[in-house]
Amino acid sequence: MEPTRITEMRLMTVQDELSAREPIFHRPEHGTTRADFERMMDAEFWEVGASGRRYSRAHVLAILEERYATSIDEHWETRDFFCQEIAPDTYLLTYTLLQESRTTRRATLWRRVAGGWRIVYHQGTIVEPS
């Protein structure tokens, strides 16, 4: 039932770079301020949350600013990374995120730009217990 998801060898370096940035906005080494998050996001960024709701870039920035105003103690694990090249310098990275009692499948569309990576789109979908 599950698709075969094996990253092509030519994309392994990209997968390694991007997986080190996931889950997005939860890696303090990549920044914790609004300015940091703005640099991570493409101007056209938007996301679909696990609830199915769509969120604008401005909304996500406001939530992140509020979240990082206090100390955060998070416990999570990522696994099952898969990277696909969608267009020149544009990649889809999918993976599974385990956060305490919640498991989600994540998809982030990344664009390589001068000076690094920008997040174009992100989605999280809750995995129902089987």
Protein backbone atom coordinates (compact mmCIF):
# COMPACT_ATOMS: atom_id res chain seq x y z
CA MET A 1 0.00 0.00 0.00
CA GLU A 2 2.82 2.45 0.84
CA PRO A 3 4.82 3.94 -2.03
CA THR A 4 8.49 3.12 -2.38
CA ARG A 5 10.37 6.21 -1.26
CA ILE A 6 14.09 5.99 -1.85
CA THR A 7 15.96 9.22 -2.47
CA GLU A 8 18.09 9.20 -5.61
CA MET A 9 21.81 9.12 -4.84
CA ARG A 10 22.36 12.43 -6.65
CA LEU A 11 20.01 14.10 -4.12
CA MET A 12 21.48 12.68 -0.91
CA THR A 13 23.51 15.81 -0.17
CA VAL A 14 20.40 17.96 -0.62
CA GLN A 15 18.41 15.58 1.59
CA ASP A 16 21.09 15.78 4.29
CA GLU A 17 21.13 19.59 4.18
CA LEU A 18 17.35 19.87 4.34
CA SER A 19 16.72 17.15 6.91
CA ALA A 20 19.10 19.04 9.23
CA ARG A 21 16.60 21.93 9.04
CA GLU A 22 13.54 19.86 9.92
CA PRO A 23 11.25 20.15 11.63
CA ILE A 24 11.15 23.72 10.40
CA PHE A 25 11.00 26.41 13.07
CA HIS A 26 12.03 23.90 15.76
CA ARG A 27 15.81 24.06 15.25
CA PRO A 28 17.24 26.85 17.43
CA GLU A 29 20.59 26.60 15.63
CA HIS A 30 18.82 28.06 12.57
CA GLY A 31 17.30 30.91 14.52
CA THR A 32 14.68 31.86 17.08
CA THR A 33 13.80 35.45 16.20
CA ARG A 34 11.24 36.85 13.81
CA ALA A 35 14.07 38.11 11.58
CA ASP A 36 15.57 34.59 11.49
CA PHE A 37 12.22 33.07 10.50
CA GLU A 38 11.64 35.74 7.84
CA ARG A 39 14.99 34.81 6.27
CA MET A 40 13.98 31.12 6.26
CA MET A 41 10.69 31.75 4.44
CA ASP A 42 10.08 32.57 0.82
CA ALA A 43 7.98 35.72 0.35
CA GLU A 44 5.18 33.45 -0.96
CA PHE A 45 5.34 31.00 1.97
CA TRP A 46 2.15 29.46 3.32
CA GLU A 47 1.26 26.26 5.10
CA VAL A 48 -1.49 23.78 5.85
CA GLY A 49 -1.50 22.71 9.48
CA ALA A 50 -2.41 19.29 10.86
CA SER A 51 -5.93 20.69 11.39
CA GLY A 52 -6.29 21.22 7.64
CA ARG A 53 -6.37 24.99 8.10
CA ARG A 54 -4.33 27.20 5.77
CA TYR A 55 -1.98 29.74 7.36
CA SER A 56 -0.35 32.79 5.80
CA ARG A 57 3.27 33.76 6.19
CA ALA A 58 2.26 36.69 8.41
CA HIS A 59 0.21 34.44 10.70
CA VAL A 60 3.00 31.87 11.06
CA LEU A 61 5.52 34.62 11.83
CA ALA A 62 3.25 36.01 14.57
CA ILE A 63 2.81 32.55 16.13
CA LEU A 64 6.56 31.87 16.02
CA GLU A 65 7.35 35.22 17.61
CA GLU A 66 4.91 34.41 20.44
CA ARG A 67 6.24 30.84 20.82
CA TYR A 68 9.87 31.92 21.14
CA ALA A 69 9.13 34.77 23.57
CA THR A 70 9.44 32.14 26.32
CA SER A 71 11.69 29.13 26.79
CA ILE A 72 10.58 25.99 24.94
CA ASP A 73 11.24 22.42 25.99
CA GLU A 74 10.33 20.16 23.07
CA HIS A 75 10.84 16.47 22.55
CA TRP A 76 10.60 15.19 19.00
CA GLU A 77 12.10 12.70 16.58
CA THR A 78 12.27 12.76 12.78
CA ARG A 79 12.61 9.77 10.46
CA ASP A 80 11.81 8.37 7.01
CA PHE A 81 13.20 11.31 5.02
CA PHE A 82 12.62 11.34 1.27
CA CYS A 83 13.76 14.07 -1.12
CA GLN A 84 12.56 14.76 -4.66
CA GLU A 85 13.66 17.44 -7.10
CA ILE A 86 10.47 19.18 -8.26
CA ALA A 87 12.04 21.86 -10.49
CA PRO A 88 15.48 23.43 -10.83
CA ASP A 89 16.64 24.41 -7.31
CA THR A 90 13.27 23.33 -5.82
CA TYR A 91 12.90 20.22 -3.68
CA LEU A 92 10.15 18.40 -1.82
CA LEU A 93 11.27 16.88 1.47
CA THR A 94 8.88 14.51 3.24
CA TYR A 95 9.33 12.79 6.59
CA THR A 96 7.62 11.52 9.73
CA LEU A 97 7.64 13.57 12.93
CA LEU A 98 7.07 11.97 16.33
CA GLN A 99 6.12 14.46 19.05
CA GLU A 100 5.36 12.73 22.33
CA SER A 101 1.96 11.09 21.63
CA ARG A 102 1.39 12.62 18.17
CA THR A 103 2.74 11.35 14.85
CA THR A 104 2.52 13.49 11.72
CA ARG A 105 3.66 13.18 8.14
CA ARG A 106 5.38 16.35 7.01
CA ALA A 107 6.06 17.84 3.60
CA THR A 108 8.18 20.93 3.01
CA LEU A 109 8.86 22.52 -0.36
CA TRP A 110 12.32 24.11 -0.33
CA ARG A 111 13.96 26.50 -2.80
CA ARG A 112 17.73 26.93 -3.02
CA VAL A 113 18.61 30.62 -3.33
CA ALA A 114 21.83 32.61 -3.17
CA GLY A 115 22.94 32.33 0.42
CA GLY A 116 20.94 29.28 1.45
CA TRP A 117 17.48 27.74 1.55
CA ARG A 118 13.96 29.21 1.66
CA ILE A 119 10.79 27.41 2.69
CA VAL A 120 8.06 27.85 0.07
CA TYR A 121 5.33 25.61 1.52
CA HIS A 122 4.82 23.28 4.47
CA GLN A 123 2.14 20.79 5.47
CA GLY A 124 1.62 18.46 8.41
CA THR A 125 -0.93 15.64 8.45
CA ILE A 126 -1.80 13.68 11.58
CA VAL A 127 -1.34 9.92 11.33
CA GLU A 128 -4.36 8.13 12.75
CA PRO A 129 -3.57 5.22 15.07
CA SER A 130 -4.03 1.91 13.27
